[in-house]
């Protein structure tokens, strides 16, 4: 019985560490750019887009703010659909078994 108690304690500790790691990933800001820095996207450690910046020189007289918001929304929509797809595929492997504290693979 003592071994089961130790195992449960280890599982709880691991779950707490995973939650802390997920929070740190959620708070991280990781920039990526293209076009020599003319387009920049900032994502968090979970892959969620946080900010898009487009150099107005790329747009001529267009409104960069509207385009940035649309790109950000499209990116986040694709990311959400990707996570749903990943969850669906993983549930096929696990038979729908939900393992507490087990994060989605990303």
Protein backbone atom coordinates (compact mmCIF):
# COMPACT_ATOMS: atom_id res chain seq x y z
CA UNK A 1 0.00 0.00 0.00
CA UNK A 2 2.87 2.36 0.73
CA UNK A 3 4.08 2.04 -2.87
CA UNK A 4 0.67 3.13 -4.16
CA UNK A 5 0.74 6.13 -1.84
CA UNK A 6 4.19 7.09 -3.11
CA UNK A 7 3.07 6.66 -6.70
CA UNK A 8 0.02 8.85 -6.16
CA UNK A 9 2.22 11.54 -4.56
CA UNK A 10 4.57 11.42 -7.56
CA UNK A 11 1.63 11.73 -9.96
CA UNK A 12 0.27 14.73 -8.04
CA UNK A 13 3.70 16.37 -8.02
CA UNK A 14 4.07 15.79 -11.75
CA UNK A 15 0.61 17.21 -12.40
CA UNK A 16 1.46 20.36 -10.42
CA UNK A 17 4.74 20.79 -12.33
CA UNK A 18 2.90 20.30 -15.64
CA UNK A 19 0.36 22.96 -14.70
CA UNK A 20 3.15 25.37 -13.78
CA UNK A 21 4.96 24.65 -17.05
CA UNK A 22 1.74 25.20 -19.01
CA UNK A 23 1.25 28.55 -17.28
CA UNK A 24 4.83 29.60 -18.08
CA UNK A 25 4.32 28.55 -21.71
CA UNK A 26 1.08 30.51 -21.86
CA UNK A 27 2.83 33.65 -20.59
CA UNK A 28 5.88 33.37 -22.89
CA UNK A 29 6.15 35.72 -25.87
CA UNK A 30 8.05 34.29 -28.84
CA UNK A 31 8.45 36.49 -31.92
CA UNK A 32 8.84 35.32 -35.50
CA UNK A 33 9.33 37.49 -38.55
CA UNK A 34 9.61 37.43 -42.30
CA UNK A 35 10.40 39.86 -45.06
CA UNK A 36 13.35 41.29 -43.19
CA UNK A 37 11.12 42.13 -40.23
CA UNK A 38 8.32 43.67 -42.28
CA UNK A 39 5.87 41.09 -40.88
CA UNK A 40 6.09 39.96 -37.27
CA UNK A 41 3.97 37.45 -35.36
CA UNK A 42 4.26 36.94 -31.60
CA UNK A 43 3.02 33.62 -30.21
CA UNK A 44 3.03 32.18 -26.73
CA UNK A 45 4.69 28.89 -25.82
CA UNK A 46 1.46 27.04 -26.58
CA UNK A 47 1.38 28.34 -30.15
CA UNK A 48 -1.42 30.87 -29.66
CA UNK A 49 -0.91 34.06 -31.66
CA UNK A 50 -0.71 37.17 -29.50
CA UNK A 51 0.19 39.92 -31.93
CA UNK A 52 0.70 40.52 -35.65
CA UNK A 53 2.55 43.55 -36.99
CA UNK A 54 2.69 44.45 -40.69
CA UNK A 55 4.91 47.25 -41.92
CA UNK A 56 2.60 49.84 -43.54
CA UNK A 57 5.04 50.08 -46.47
CA UNK A 58 3.76 46.65 -47.58
CA UNK A 59 0.21 47.95 -47.82
CA UNK A 60 0.49 51.21 -49.64
CA UNK A 61 -2.50 53.24 -48.48
CA UNK A 62 -4.18 50.25 -46.76
CA UNK A 63 -5.02 50.07 -43.08
CA UNK A 64 -2.40 47.82 -41.44
CA UNK A 65 -4.41 47.55 -38.20
CA UNK A 66 -7.42 45.87 -39.84
CA UNK A 67 -5.23 43.45 -41.76
CA UNK A 68 -3.18 42.65 -38.63
CA UNK A 69 -6.37 41.84 -36.70
CA UNK A 70 -7.68 39.64 -39.52
CA UNK A 71 -4.38 37.73 -39.79
CA UNK A 72 -4.31 37.27 -36.02
CA UNK A 73 -7.89 35.97 -35.95
CA UNK A 74 -7.24 33.57 -38.85
CA UNK A 75 -4.08 32.27 -37.21
CA UNK A 76 -5.88 31.64 -33.92
CA UNK A 77 -8.80 29.97 -35.72
CA UNK A 78 -6.38 27.60 -37.46
CA UNK A 79 -4.57 26.92 -34.18
CA UNK A 80 -7.85 26.06 -32.40
CA UNK A 81 -8.91 23.75 -35.22
CA UNK A 82 -5.48 22.13 -35.12
CA UNK A 83 -5.81 21.46 -31.39
CA UNK A 84 -9.30 19.99 -31.89
CA UNK A 85 -7.95 17.74 -34.63
CA UNK A 86 -5.00 16.69 -32.45
CA UNK A 87 -7.37 15.89 -29.57
CA UNK A 88 -9.58 13.83 -31.88
CA UNK A 89 -6.63 11.88 -33.28
CA UNK A 90 -5.13 11.26 -29.83
CA UNK A 91 -8.49 10.04 -28.48
CA UNK A 92 -8.45 7.42 -31.24
CA UNK A 93 -5.15 6.18 -29.86
CA UNK A 94 -6.16 6.32 -26.19
CA UNK A 95 -9.70 5.12 -26.75
CA UNK A 96 -11.01 8.36 -25.28
CA UNK A 97 -9.24 7.72 -21.97
CA UNK A 98 -8.72 11.04 -20.21
CA UNK A 99 -5.49 11.00 -18.21
CA UNK A 100 -5.58 13.72 -15.51
CA UNK A 101 -2.73 16.18 -15.85
CA UNK A 102 -1.71 14.85 -19.25
CA UNK A 103 -1.37 17.79 -21.60
CA UNK A 104 -2.27 17.66 -25.23
CA UNK A 105 0.71 16.99 -27.42
CA UNK A 106 1.86 20.16 -29.12
